[in-house]
Amino acid sequence: IIRRENEALLMNDFEAIVRYSNEFHAALIALSGNKSAQLIISML
């Protein structure tokens, strides 16, 4: 995900950075394996 963030930064594609940043945060939560946390953060 970070690789795609850096690629988007080089291209000044800030909208893509928003998507990949959200993906990074979502991946962190998913890697915890805690389904309740995933749902709460997704709703927030």
PDB file of all heavy atoms in Angstrom:
ATOM      1  N   ILE A   1       0.841  -1.202   0.000  1.00  0.00           N
ATOM      2  CA  ILE A   1       0.000   0.000   0.000  1.00  0.00           C
ATOM      3  C   ILE A   1       0.875   1.251   0.000  1.00  0.00           C
ATOM      4  O   ILE A   1       0.598   2.216  -0.730  1.00  0.00           O
ATOM      5  CB  ILE A   1      -0.944   0.003   1.216  1.00  0.00           C
ATOM      6  CG1 ILE A   1      -1.864  -1.221   1.188  1.00  0.00           C
ATOM      7  CG2 ILE A   1      -1.779   1.292   1.239  1.00  0.00           C
ATOM      8  CD1 ILE A   1      -2.672  -1.421   2.457  1.00  0.00           C
ATOM      9  N   ILE A   2       1.936   1.233   0.798  1.00  0.00           N
ATOM     10  CA  ILE A   2       2.854   2.382   0.856  1.00  0.00           C
ATOM     11  C   ILE A   2       3.490   2.636  -0.514  1.00  0.00           C
ATOM     12  O   ILE A   2       3.653   3.787  -0.923  1.00  0.00           O
ATOM     13  CB  ILE A   2       3.936   2.147   1.925  1.00  0.00           C
ATOM     14  CG1 ILE A   2       3.309   2.180   3.325  1.00  0.00           C
ATOM     15  CG2 ILE A   2       5.046   3.197   1.813  1.00  0.00           C
ATOM     16  CD1 ILE A   2       4.249   1.740   4.431  1.00  0.00           C
ATOM     17  N   ARG A   3       3.821   1.559  -1.210  1.00  0.00           N
ATOM     18  CA  ARG A   3       4.396   1.713  -2.555  1.00  0.00           C
ATOM     19  C   ARG A   3       3.428   2.470  -3.463  1.00  0.00           C
ATOM     20  O   ARG A   3       3.826   3.383  -4.194  1.00  0.00           O
ATOM     21  CB  ARG A   3       4.707   0.335  -3.154  1.00  0.00           C
ATOM     22  CG  ARG A   3       5.190   0.376  -4.601  1.00  0.00           C
ATOM     23  CD  ARG A   3       5.476  -1.014  -5.143  1.00  0.00           C
ATOM     24  NE  ARG A   3       4.337  -1.902  -4.982  1.00  0.00           N
ATOM     25  CZ  ARG A   3       3.253  -1.882  -5.767  1.00  0.00           C
ATOM     26  NH1 ARG A   3       3.166  -0.997  -6.749  1.00  0.00           N
ATOM     27  NH2 ARG A   3       2.270  -2.743  -5.572  1.00  0.00           N
ATOM     28  N   ARG A   4       2.140   2.132  -3.382  1.00  0.00           N
ATOM     29  CA  ARG A   4       1.146   2.823  -4.211  1.00  0.00           C
ATOM     30  C   ARG A   4       0.962   4.274  -3.748  1.00  0.00           C
ATOM     31  O   ARG A   4       0.736   5.167  -4.580  1.00  0.00           O
ATOM     32  CB  ARG A   4      -0.187   2.065  -4.171  1.00  0.00           C
ATOM     33  CG  ARG A   4      -0.110   0.683  -4.822  1.00  0.00           C
ATOM     34  CD  ARG A   4      -1.487   0.133  -5.151  1.00  0.00           C
ATOM     35  NE  ARG A   4      -2.272  -0.149  -3.960  1.00  0.00           N
ATOM     36  CZ  ARG A   4      -2.218  -1.297  -3.275  1.00  0.00           C
ATOM     37  NH1 ARG A   4      -1.393  -2.263  -3.669  1.00  0.00           N
ATOM     38  NH2 ARG A   4      -2.973  -1.489  -2.222  1.00  0.00           N
ATOM     39  N   GLU A   5       1.086   4.515  -2.453  1.00  0.00           N
ATOM     40  CA  GLU A   5       1.016   5.894  -1.945  1.00  0.00           C
ATOM     41  C   GLU A   5       2.142   6.739  -2.530  1.00  0.00           C
ATOM     42  O   GLU A   5       1.924   7.876  -2.973  1.00  0.00           O
ATOM     43  CB  GLU A   5       1.111   5.900  -0.413  1.00  0.00           C
ATOM     44  CG  GLU A   5      -0.134   5.444   0.309  1.00  0.00           C
ATOM     45  CD  GLU A   5       0.022   5.502   1.818  1.00  0.00           C
ATOM     46  OE1 GLU A   5       1.065   5.037   2.336  1.00  0.00           O
ATOM     47  OE2 GLU A   5      -0.897   6.000   2.487  1.00  0.00           O
ATOM     48  N   ASN A   6       3.351   6.188  -2.518  1.00  0.00           N
ATOM     49  CA  ASN A   6       4.511   6.928  -3.042  1.00  0.00           C
ATOM     50  C   ASN A   6       4.385   7.171  -4.544  1.00  0.00           C
ATOM     51  O   ASN A   6       4.765   8.238  -5.044  1.00  0.00           O
ATOM     52  CB  ASN A   6       5.802   6.171  -2.736  1.00  0.00           C
ATOM     53  CG  ASN A   6       6.277   6.398  -1.307  1.00  0.00           C
ATOM     54  OD1 ASN A   6       6.294   7.533  -0.834  1.00  0.00           O
ATOM     55  ND2 ASN A   6       6.664   5.337  -0.624  1.00  0.00           N
ATOM     56  N   GLU A   7       3.851   6.190  -5.261  1.00  0.00           N
ATOM     57  CA  GLU A   7       3.643   6.362  -6.705  1.00  0.00           C
ATOM     58  C   GLU A   7       2.640   7.482  -6.970  1.00  0.00           C
ATOM     59  O   GLU A   7       2.823   8.310  -7.870  1.00  0.00           O
ATOM     60  CB  GLU A   7       3.149   5.054  -7.327  1.00  0.00           C
ATOM     61  CG  GLU A   7       4.226   3.969  -7.394  1.00  0.00           C
ATOM     62  CD  GLU A   7       3.674   2.622  -7.829  1.00  0.00           C
ATOM     63  OE1 GLU A   7       2.436   2.497  -7.961  1.00  0.00           O
ATOM     64  OE2 GLU A   7       4.474   1.685  -8.035  1.00  0.00           O
ATOM     65  N   ALA A   8       1.563   7.504  -6.159  1.00  0.00           N
ATOM     66  CA  ALA A   8       0.555   8.548  -6.313  1.00  0.00           C
ATOM     67  C   ALA A   8       1.129   9.920  -5.972  1.00  0.00           C
ATOM     68  O   ALA A   8       0.803  10.927  -6.616  1.00  0.00           O
ATOM     69  CB  ALA A   8      -0.642   8.243  -5.418  1.00  0.00           C
ATOM     70  N   LEU A   9       2.016   9.962  -4.977  1.00  0.00           N
ATOM     71  CA  LEU A   9       2.644  11.226  -4.584  1.00  0.00           C
ATOM     72  C   LEU A   9       3.513  11.767  -5.709  1.00  0.00           C
ATOM     73  O   LEU A   9       3.497  12.969  -5.997  1.00  0.00           O
ATOM     74  CB  LEU A   9       3.480  11.023  -3.320  1.00  0.00           C
ATOM     75  CG  LEU A   9       4.087  12.279  -2.698  1.00  0.00           C
ATOM     76  CD1 LEU A   9       2.979  13.182  -2.141  1.00  0.00           C
ATOM     77  CD2 LEU A   9       5.071  11.913  -1.584  1.00  0.00           C
ATOM     78  N   LEU A  10       4.271  10.886  -6.354  1.00  0.00           N
ATOM     79  CA  LEU A  10       5.120  11.305  -7.472  1.00  0.00           C
ATOM     80  C   LEU A  10       4.295  11.898  -8.609  1.00  0.00           C
ATOM     81  O   LEU A  10       4.743  12.801  -9.322  1.00  0.00           O
ATOM     82  CB  LEU A  10       5.935  10.110  -7.990  1.00  0.00           C
ATOM     83  CG  LEU A  10       7.118   9.666  -7.121  1.00  0.00           C
ATOM     84  CD1 LEU A  10       7.716   8.374  -7.668  1.00  0.00           C
ATOM     85  CD2 LEU A  10       8.181  10.762  -7.063  1.00  0.00           C
ATOM     86  N   MET A  11       3.065  11.385  -8.763  1.00  0.00           N
ATOM     87  CA  MET A  11       2.192  11.846  -9.846  1.00  0.00           C
ATOM     88  C   MET A  11       1.271  12.982  -9.386  1.00  0.00           C
ATOM     89  O   MET A  11       0.395  13.414 -10.137  1.00  0.00           O
ATOM     90  CB  MET A  11       1.347  10.673 -10.354  1.00  0.00           C
ATOM     91  CG  MET A  11       2.175   9.541 -10.950  1.00  0.00           C
ATOM     92  SD  MET A  11       1.156   8.120 -11.434  1.00  0.00           S
ATOM     93  CE  MET A  11       0.197   8.848 -12.763  1.00  0.00           C
ATOM     94  N   ASN A  12       1.481  13.447  -8.136  1.00  0.00           N
ATOM     95  CA  ASN A  12       0.627  14.502  -7.565  1.00  0.00           C
ATOM     96  C   ASN A  12      -0.856  14.119  -7.598  1.00  0.00           C
ATOM     97  O   ASN A  12      -1.733  14.987  -7.754  1.00  0.00           O
ATOM     98  CB  ASN A  12       0.837  15.838  -8.302  1.00  0.00           C
ATOM     99  CG  ASN A  12       2.227  16.402  -8.098  1.00  0.00           C
ATOM    100  OD1 ASN A  12       2.744  16.386  -6.985  1.00  0.00           O
ATOM    101  ND2 ASN A  12       2.840  16.883  -9.176  1.00  0.00           N
ATOM    102  N   ASP A  13      -1.113  12.833  -7.467  1.00  0.00           N
ATOM    103  CA  ASP A  13      -2.488  12.332  -7.486  1.00  0.00           C
ATOM    104  C   ASP A  13      -2.988  12.244  -6.042  1.00  0.00           C
ATOM    105  O   ASP A  13      -2.957  11.182  -5.415  1.00  0.00           O
ATOM    106  CB  ASP A  13      -2.539  10.960  -8.171  1.00  0.00           C
ATOM    107  CG  ASP A  13      -3.958  10.481  -8.413  1.00  0.00           C
ATOM    108  OD1 ASP A  13      -4.894  11.067  -7.831  1.00  0.00           O
ATOM    109  OD2 ASP A  13      -4.132   9.495  -9.164  1.00  0.00           O
ATOM    110  N   PHE A  14      -3.459  13.366  -5.521  1.00  0.00           N
ATOM    111  CA  PHE A  14      -3.860  13.429  -4.114  1.00  0.00           C
ATOM    112  C   PHE A  14      -5.116  12.597  -3.845  1.00  0.00           C
ATOM    113  O   PHE A  14      -5.295  12.084  -2.749  1.00  0.00           O
ATOM    114  CB  PHE A  14      -4.079  14.882  -3.685  1.00  0.00           C
ATOM    115  CG  PHE A  14      -2.796  15.664  -3.517  1.00  0.00           C
ATOM    116  CD1 PHE A  14      -1.585  15.153  -3.970  1.00  0.00           C
ATOM    117  CD2 PHE A  14      -2.795  16.908  -2.910  1.00  0.00           C
ATOM    118  CE1 PHE A  14      -0.403  15.865  -3.815  1.00  0.00           C
ATOM    119  CE2 PHE A  14      -1.617  17.636  -2.746  1.00  0.00           C
ATOM    120  CZ  PHE A  14      -0.415  17.104  -3.209  1.00  0.00           C
ATOM    121  N   GLU A  15      -5.993  12.482  -4.840  1.00  0.00           N
ATOM    122  CA  GLU A  15      -7.197  11.661  -4.653  1.00  0.00           C
ATOM    123  C   GLU A  15      -6.812  10.198  -4.451  1.00  0.00           C
ATOM    124  O   GLU A  15      -7.419   9.491  -3.639  1.00  0.00           O
ATOM    125  CB  GLU A  15      -8.134  11.813  -5.854  1.00  0.00           C
ATOM    126  CG  GLU A  15      -8.805  13.173  -5.923  1.00  0.00           C
ATOM    127  CD  GLU A  15      -9.819  13.266  -7.040  1.00  0.00           C
ATOM    128  OE1 GLU A  15      -9.978  12.274  -7.789  1.00  0.00           O
ATOM    129  OE2 GLU A  15     -10.454  14.333  -7.176  1.00  0.00           O
ATOM    130  N   ALA A  16      -5.809   9.733  -5.176  1.00  0.00           N
ATOM    131  CA  ALA A  16      -5.332   8.363  -5.005  1.00  0.00           C
ATOM    132  C   ALA A  16      -4.700   8.194  -3.629  1.00  0.00           C
ATOM    133  O   ALA A  16      -4.857   7.145  -2.989  1.00  0.00           O
ATOM    134  CB  ALA A  16      -4.336   8.002  -6.101  1.00  0.00           C
ATOM    135  N   ILE A  17      -4.012   9.226  -3.164  1.00  0.00           N
ATOM    136  CA  ILE A  17      -3.402   9.165  -1.829  1.00  0.00           C
ATOM    137  C   ILE A  17      -4.483   8.997  -0.761  1.00  0.00           C
ATOM    138  O   ILE A  17      -4.309   8.243   0.197  1.00  0.00           O
ATOM    139  CB  ILE A  17      -2.552  10.426  -1.561  1.00  0.00           C
ATOM    140  CG1 ILE A  17      -1.313  10.430  -2.472  1.00  0.00           C
ATOM    141  CG2 ILE A  17      -2.120  10.486  -0.095  1.00  0.00           C
ATOM    142  CD1 ILE A  17      -0.489  11.694  -2.385  1.00  0.00           C
ATOM    143  N   VAL A  18      -5.608   9.688  -0.934  1.00  0.00           N
ATOM    144  CA  VAL A  18      -6.725   9.532   0.009  1.00  0.00           C
ATOM    145  C   VAL A  18      -7.172   8.071   0.038  1.00  0.00           C
ATOM    146  O   VAL A  18      -7.355   7.478   1.112  1.00  0.00           O
ATOM    147  CB  VAL A  18      -7.916  10.433  -0.384  1.00  0.00           C
ATOM    148  CG1 VAL A  18      -9.142  10.100   0.459  1.00  0.00           C
ATOM    149  CG2 VAL A  18      -7.552  11.901  -0.208  1.00  0.00           C
ATOM    150  N   ARG A  19      -7.346   7.482  -1.141  1.00  0.00           N
ATOM    151  CA  ARG A  19      -7.799   6.080  -1.226  1.00  0.00           C
ATOM    152  C   ARG A  19      -6.804   5.138  -0.562  1.00  0.00           C
ATOM    153  O   ARG A  19      -7.185   4.254   0.220  1.00  0.00           O
ATOM    154  CB  ARG A  19      -8.003   5.656  -2.687  1.00  0.00           C
ATOM    155  CG  ARG A  19      -9.163   6.322  -3.391  1.00  0.00           C
ATOM    156  CD  ARG A  19      -9.541   5.569  -4.655  1.00  0.00           C
ATOM    157  NE  ARG A  19      -8.412   5.380  -5.550  1.00  0.00           N
ATOM    158  CZ  ARG A  19      -8.027   6.269  -6.469  1.00  0.00           C
ATOM    159  NH1 ARG A  19      -8.677   7.414  -6.580  1.00  0.00           N
ATOM    160  NH2 ARG A  19      -7.006   6.018  -7.268  1.00  0.00           N
ATOM    161  N   TYR A  20      -5.517   5.324  -0.871  1.00  0.00           N
ATOM    162  CA  TYR A  20      -4.508   4.412  -0.336  1.00  0.00           C
ATOM    163  C   TYR A  20      -4.291   4.618   1.167  1.00  0.00           C
ATOM    164  O   TYR A  20      -4.004   3.665   1.894  1.00  0.00           O
ATOM    165  CB  TYR A  20      -3.191   4.578  -1.102  1.00  0.00           C
ATOM    166  CG  TYR A  20      -3.300   4.226  -2.567  1.00  0.00           C
ATOM    167  CD1 TYR A  20      -2.660   4.982  -3.546  1.00  0.00           C
ATOM    168  CD2 TYR A  20      -4.070   3.136  -2.975  1.00  0.00           C
ATOM    169  CE1 TYR A  20      -2.765   4.659  -4.898  1.00  0.00           C
ATOM    170  CE2 TYR A  20      -4.180   2.809  -4.327  1.00  0.00           C
ATOM    171  CZ  TYR A  20      -3.527   3.583  -5.279  1.00  0.00           C
ATOM    172  OH  TYR A  20      -3.648   3.269  -6.600  1.00  0.00           O
ATOM    173  N   SER A  21      -4.435   5.864   1.614  1.00  0.00           N
ATOM    174  CA  SER A  21      -4.330   6.121   3.047  1.00  0.00           C
ATOM    175  C   SER A  21      -5.452   5.407   3.797  1.00  0.00           C
ATOM    176  O   SER A  21      -5.219   4.765   4.833  1.00  0.00           O
ATOM    177  CB  SER A  21      -4.394   7.627   3.317  1.00  0.00           C
ATOM    178  OG  SER A  21      -4.378   7.879   4.706  1.00  0.00           O
ATOM    179  N   ASN A  22      -6.670   5.502   3.267  1.00  0.00           N
ATOM    180  CA  ASN A  22      -7.796   4.781   3.872  1.00  0.00           C
ATOM    181  C   ASN A  22      -7.556   3.278   3.848  1.00  0.00           C
ATOM    182  O   ASN A  22      -7.881   2.563   4.802  1.00  0.00           O
ATOM    183  CB  ASN A  22      -9.096   5.116   3.136  1.00  0.00           C
ATOM    184  CG  ASN A  22      -9.624   6.493   3.482  1.00  0.00           C
ATOM    185  OD1 ASN A  22      -9.415   6.990   4.585  1.00  0.00           O
ATOM    186  ND2 ASN A  22     -10.325   7.124   2.546  1.00  0.00           N
ATOM    187  N   GLU A  23      -6.970   2.814   2.740  1.00  0.00           N
ATOM    188  CA  GLU A  23      -6.672   1.383   2.613  1.00  0.00           C
ATOM    189  C   GLU A  23      -5.634   0.953   3.650  1.00  0.00           C
ATOM    190  O   GLU A  23      -5.726  -0.142   4.221  1.00  0.00           O
ATOM    191  CB  GLU A  23      -6.159   1.102   1.194  1.00  0.00           C
ATOM    192  CG  GLU A  23      -5.984  -0.374   0.883  1.00  0.00           C
ATOM    193  CD  GLU A  23      -5.508  -0.617  -0.543  1.00  0.00           C
ATOM    194  OE1 GLU A  23      -5.716   0.261  -1.401  1.00  0.00           O
ATOM    195  OE2 GLU A  23      -4.918  -1.691  -0.791  1.00  0.00           O
ATOM    196  N   PHE A  24      -4.652   1.815   3.910  1.00  0.00           N
ATOM    197  CA  PHE A  24      -3.615   1.511   4.891  1.00  0.00           C
ATOM    198  C   PHE A  24      -4.218   1.369   6.286  1.00  0.00           C
ATOM    199  O   PHE A  24      -3.940   0.412   7.007  1.00  0.00           O
ATOM    200  CB  PHE A  24      -2.546   2.612   4.889  1.00  0.00           C
ATOM    201  CG  PHE A  24      -1.366   2.335   5.779  1.00  0.00           C
ATOM    202  CD1 PHE A  24      -0.285   1.604   5.308  1.00  0.00           C
ATOM    203  CD2 PHE A  24      -1.327   2.805   7.092  1.00  0.00           C
ATOM    204  CE1 PHE A  24       0.817   1.341   6.118  1.00  0.00           C
ATOM    205  CE2 PHE A  24      -0.241   2.552   7.908  1.00  0.00           C
ATOM    206  CZ  PHE A  24       0.835   1.804   7.425  1.00  0.00           C
ATOM    207  N   HIS A  25      -5.064   2.334   6.655  1.00  0.00           N
ATOM    208  CA  HIS A  25      -5.710   2.283   7.974  1.00  0.00           C
ATOM    209  C   HIS A  25      -6.605   1.048   8.094  1.00  0.00           C
ATOM    210  O   HIS A  25      -6.617   0.382   9.131  1.00  0.00           O
ATOM    211  CB  HIS A  25      -6.521   3.554   8.219  1.00  0.00           C
ATOM    212  CG  HIS A  25      -5.677   4.765   8.494  1.00  0.00           C
ATOM    213  ND1 HIS A  25      -5.162   5.047   9.740  1.00  0.00           N
ATOM    214  CD2 HIS A  25      -5.249   5.763   7.678  1.00  0.00           C
ATOM    215  CE1 HIS A  25      -4.461   6.162   9.689  1.00  0.00           C
ATOM    216  NE2 HIS A  25      -4.494   6.612   8.447  1.00  0.00           N
ATOM    217  N   ALA A  26      -7.347   0.759   7.026  1.00  0.00           N
ATOM    218  CA  ALA A  26      -8.231  -0.408   7.046  1.00  0.00           C
ATOM    219  C   ALA A  26      -7.425  -1.701   7.175  1.00  0.00           C
ATOM    220  O   ALA A  26      -7.834  -2.635   7.885  1.00  0.00           O
ATOM    221  CB  ALA A  26      -9.084  -0.441   5.777  1.00  0.00           C
ATOM    222  N   ALA A  27      -6.264  -1.753   6.506  1.00  0.00           N
ATOM    223  CA  ALA A  27      -5.414  -2.941   6.577  1.00  0.00           C
ATOM    224  C   ALA A  27      -4.878  -3.145   7.987  1.00  0.00           C
ATOM    225  O   ALA A  27      -4.785  -4.284   8.472  1.00  0.00           O
ATOM    226  CB  ALA A  27      -4.269  -2.832   5.576  1.00  0.00           C
ATOM    227  N   LEU A  28      -4.517  -2.054   8.643  1.00  0.00           N
ATOM    228  CA  LEU A  28      -4.041  -2.148  10.026  1.00  0.00           C
ATOM    229  C   LEU A  28      -5.087  -2.806  10.919  1.00  0.00           C
ATOM    230  O   LEU A  28      -4.786  -3.708  11.702  1.00  0.00           O
ATOM    231  CB  LEU A  28      -3.715  -0.757  10.575  1.00  0.00           C
ATOM    232  CG  LEU A  28      -2.376  -0.129  10.203  1.00  0.00           C
ATOM    233  CD1 LEU A  28      -2.306   1.295  10.737  1.00  0.00           C
ATOM    234  CD2 LEU A  28      -1.214  -0.951  10.734  1.00  0.00           C
ATOM    235  N   ILE A  29      -6.329  -2.334  10.781  1.00  0.00           N
ATOM    236  CA  ILE A  29      -7.412  -2.879  11.604  1.00  0.00           C
ATOM    237  C   ILE A  29      -7.646  -4.338  11.252  1.00  0.00           C
ATOM    238  O   ILE A  29      -7.812  -5.184  12.134  1.00  0.00           O
ATOM    239  CB  ILE A  29      -8.715  -2.073  11.406  1.00  0.00           C
ATOM    240  CG1 ILE A  29      -8.467  -0.576  11.574  1.00  0.00           C
ATOM    241  CG2 ILE A  29      -9.787  -2.545  12.374  1.00  0.00           C
ATOM    242  CD1 ILE A  29      -7.926  -0.168  12.901  1.00  0.00           C
ATOM    243  N   ALA A  30      -7.653  -4.655   9.960  1.00  0.00           N
ATOM    244  CA  ALA A  30      -7.897  -6.031   9.520  1.00  0.00           C
ATOM    245  C   ALA A  30      -6.823  -6.982  10.034  1.00  0.00           C
ATOM    246  O   ALA A  30      -7.112  -8.120  10.417  1.00  0.00           O
ATOM    247  CB  ALA A  30      -7.976  -6.091   7.995  1.00  0.00           C
ATOM    248  N   LEU A  31      -5.573  -6.509  10.066  1.00  0.00           N
ATOM    249  CA  LEU A  31      -4.463  -7.354  10.519  1.00  0.00           C
ATOM    250  C   LEU A  31      -4.560  -7.684  12.003  1.00  0.00           C
ATOM    251  O   LEU A  31      -3.977  -8.663  12.469  1.00  0.00           O
ATOM    252  CB  LEU A  31      -3.126  -6.672  10.220  1.00  0.00           C
ATOM    253  CG  LEU A  31      -2.704  -6.682   8.746  1.00  0.00           C
ATOM    254  CD1 LEU A  31      -1.563  -5.699   8.502  1.00  0.00           C
ATOM    255  CD2 LEU A  31      -2.302  -8.088   8.313  1.00  0.00           C
ATOM    256  N   SER A  32      -5.327  -6.887  12.747  1.00  0.00           N
ATOM    257  CA  SER A  32      -5.517  -7.195  14.163  1.00  0.00           C
ATOM    258  C   SER A  32      -6.419  -8.401  14.344  1.00  0.00           C
ATOM    259  O   SER A  32      -6.404  -9.059  15.383  1.00  0.00           O
ATOM    260  CB  SER A  32      -6.136  -5.990  14.897  1.00  0.00           C
ATOM    261  OG  SER A  32      -7.514  -5.866  14.592  1.00  0.00           O
ATOM    262  N   GLY A  33      -7.234  -8.670  13.321  1.00  0.00           N
ATOM    263  CA  GLY A  33      -8.160  -9.795  13.395  1.00  0.00           C
ATOM    264  C   GLY A  33      -9.392  -9.511  14.229  1.00  0.00           C
ATOM    265  O   GLY A  33     -10.242 -10.387  14.407  1.00  0.00           O
ATOM    266  N   ASN A  34      -9.526  -8.276  14.727  1.00  0.00           N
ATOM    267  CA  ASN A  34     -10.670  -7.941  15.579  1.00  0.00           C
ATOM    268  C   ASN A  34     -11.819  -7.420  14.722  1.00  0.00           C
ATOM    269  O   ASN A  34     -11.776  -6.302  14.212  1.00  0.00           O
ATOM    270  CB  ASN A  34     -10.262  -6.881  16.615  1.00  0.00           C
ATOM    271  CG  ASN A  34     -11.319  -6.681  17.683  1.00  0.00           C
ATOM    272  OD1 ASN A  34     -12.434  -6.271  17.402  1.00  0.00           O
ATOM    273  ND2 ASN A  34     -10.955  -6.982  18.922  1.00  0.00           N
ATOM    274  N   LYS A  35     -12.849  -8.247  14.558  1.00  0.00           N
ATOM    275  CA  LYS A  35     -13.974  -7.909  13.690  1.00  0.00           C
ATOM    276  C   LYS A  35     -14.770  -6.722  14.219  1.00  0.00           C
ATOM    277  O   LYS A  35     -15.270  -5.902  13.449  1.00  0.00           O
ATOM    278  CB  LYS A  35     -14.899  -9.118  13.527  1.00  0.00           C
ATOM    279  CG  LYS A  35     -14.221 -10.366  12.985  1.00  0.00           C
ATOM    280  CD  LYS A  35     -13.646 -10.139  11.605  1.00  0.00           C
ATOM    281  CE  LYS A  35     -13.011 -11.414  11.054  1.00  0.00           C
ATOM    282  NZ  LYS A  35     -12.357 -11.188   9.752  1.00  0.00           N
ATOM    283  N   SER A  36     -14.897  -6.625  15.540  1.00  0.00           N
ATOM    284  CA  SER A  36     -15.659  -5.516  16.130  1.00  0.00           C
ATOM    285  C   SER A  36     -14.974  -4.192  15.830  1.00  0.00           C
ATOM    286  O   SER A  36     -15.635  -3.196  15.471  1.00  0.00           O
ATOM    287  CB  SER A  36     -15.804  -5.709  17.642  1.00  0.00           C
ATOM    288  OG  SER A  36     -16.515  -6.894  17.940  1.00  0.00           O
ATOM    289  N   ALA A  37     -13.650  -4.151  15.978  1.00  0.00           N
ATOM    290  CA  ALA A  37     -12.900  -2.925  15.687  1.00  0.00           C
ATOM    291  C   ALA A  37     -13.028  -2.552  14.216  1.00  0.00           C
ATOM    292  O   ALA A  37     -13.166  -1.366  13.876  1.00  0.00           O
ATOM    293  CB  ALA A  37     -11.432  -3.106  16.066  1.00  0.00           C
ATOM    294  N   GLN A  38     -12.989  -3.551  13.341  1.00  0.00           N
ATOM    295  CA  GLN A  38     -13.131  -3.288  11.908  1.00  0.00           C
ATOM    296  C   GLN A  38     -14.465  -2.607  11.614  1.00  0.00           C
ATOM    297  O   GLN A  38     -14.531  -1.645  10.840  1.00  0.00           O
ATOM    298  CB  GLN A  38     -13.031  -4.594  11.114  1.00  0.00           C
ATOM    299  CG  GLN A  38     -11.630  -5.192  11.076  1.00  0.00           C
ATOM    300  CD  GLN A  38     -11.584  -6.478  10.278  1.00  0.00           C
ATOM    301  OE1 GLN A  38     -11.988  -6.513   9.114  1.00  0.00           O
ATOM    302  NE2 GLN A  38     -11.126  -7.551  10.886  1.00  0.00           N
ATOM    303  N   LEU A  39     -15.523  -3.107  12.226  1.00  0.00           N
ATOM    304  CA  LEU A  39     -16.847  -2.547  11.981  1.00  0.00           C
ATOM    305  C   LEU A  39     -16.953  -1.120  12.525  1.00  0.00           C
ATOM    306  O   LEU A  39     -17.455  -0.219  11.849  1.00  0.00           O
ATOM    307  CB  LEU A  39     -17.920  -3.423  12.613  1.00  0.00           C
ATOM    308  CG  LEU A  39     -19.367  -2.939  12.466  1.00  0.00           C
ATOM    309  CD1 LEU A  39     -19.742  -2.793  10.997  1.00  0.00           C
ATOM    310  CD2 LEU A  39     -20.324  -3.886  13.170  1.00  0.00           C
ATOM    311  N   ILE A  40     -16.465  -0.909  13.741  1.00  0.00           N
ATOM    312  CA  ILE A  40     -16.552   0.418  14.359  1.00  0.00           C
ATOM    313  C   ILE A  40     -15.788   1.450  13.544  1.00  0.00           C
ATOM    314  O   ILE A  40     -16.294   2.538  13.239  1.00  0.00           O
ATOM    315  CB  ILE A  40     -16.018   0.378  15.809  1.00  0.00           C
ATOM    316  CG1 ILE A  40     -16.966  -0.433  16.702  1.00  0.00           C
ATOM    317  CG2 ILE A  40     -15.855   1.788  16.369  1.00  0.00           C
ATOM    318  CD1 ILE A  40     -16.398  -0.761  18.064  1.00  0.00           C
ATOM    319  N   ILE A  41     -14.557   1.121  13.154  1.00  0.00           N
ATOM    320  CA  ILE A  41     -13.736   2.061  12.380  1.00  0.00           C
ATOM    321  C   ILE A  41     -14.354   2.299  11.005  1.00  0.00           C
ATOM    322  O   ILE A  41     -14.346   3.427  10.486  1.00  0.00           O
ATOM    323  CB  ILE A  41     -12.294   1.552  12.245  1.00  0.00           C
ATOM    324  CG1 ILE A  41     -11.598   1.529  13.602  1.00  0.00           C
ATOM    325  CG2 ILE A  41     -11.503   2.412  11.273  1.00  0.00           C
ATOM    326  CD1 ILE A  41     -11.379   2.887  14.240  1.00  0.00           C
ATOM    327  N   SER A  42     -14.914   1.253  10.405  1.00  0.00           N
ATOM    328  CA  SER A  42     -15.566   1.412   9.094  1.00  0.00           C
ATOM    329  C   SER A  42     -16.739   2.374   9.183  1.00  0.00           C
ATOM    330  O   SER A  42     -16.928   3.229   8.309  1.00  0.00           O
ATOM    331  CB  SER A  42     -16.052   0.057   8.572  1.00  0.00           C
ATOM    332  OG  SER A  42     -14.976  -0.799   8.298  1.00  0.00           O
ATOM    333  N   MET A  43     -17.535   2.253  10.250  1.00  0.00           N
ATOM    334  CA  MET A  43     -18.678   3.150  10.426  1.00  0.00           C
ATOM    335  C   MET A  43     -18.207   4.576  10.676  1.00  0.00           C
ATOM    336  O   MET A  43     -18.757   5.529  10.118  1.00  0.00           O
ATOM    337  CB  MET A  43     -19.569   2.665  11.563  1.00  0.00           C
ATOM    338  CG  MET A  43     -20.334   1.392  11.231  1.00  0.00           C
ATOM    339  SD  MET A  43     -21.645   1.003  12.419  1.00  0.00           S
ATOM    340  CE  MET A  43     -20.670   0.649  13.890  1.00  0.00           C
ATOM    341  N   LEU A  44     -17.172   4.733  11.504  1.00  0.00           N
ATOM    342  CA  LEU A  44     -16.638   6.071  11.770  1.00  0.00           C
ATOM    343  C   LEU A  44     -16.097   6.707  10.485  1.00  0.00           C
ATOM    344  O   LEU A  44     -16.286   7.901  10.249  1.00  0.00           O
ATOM    345  CB  LEU A  44     -15.535   6.000  12.820  1.00  0.00           C
ATOM    346  CG  LEU A  44     -15.985   5.740  14.267  1.00  0.00           C
ATOM    347  CD1 LEU A  44     -14.780   5.486  15.151  1.00  0.00           C
ATOM    348  CD2 LEU A  44     -16.796   6.918  14.802  1.00  0.00           C
TER     349      LEU A  44
END
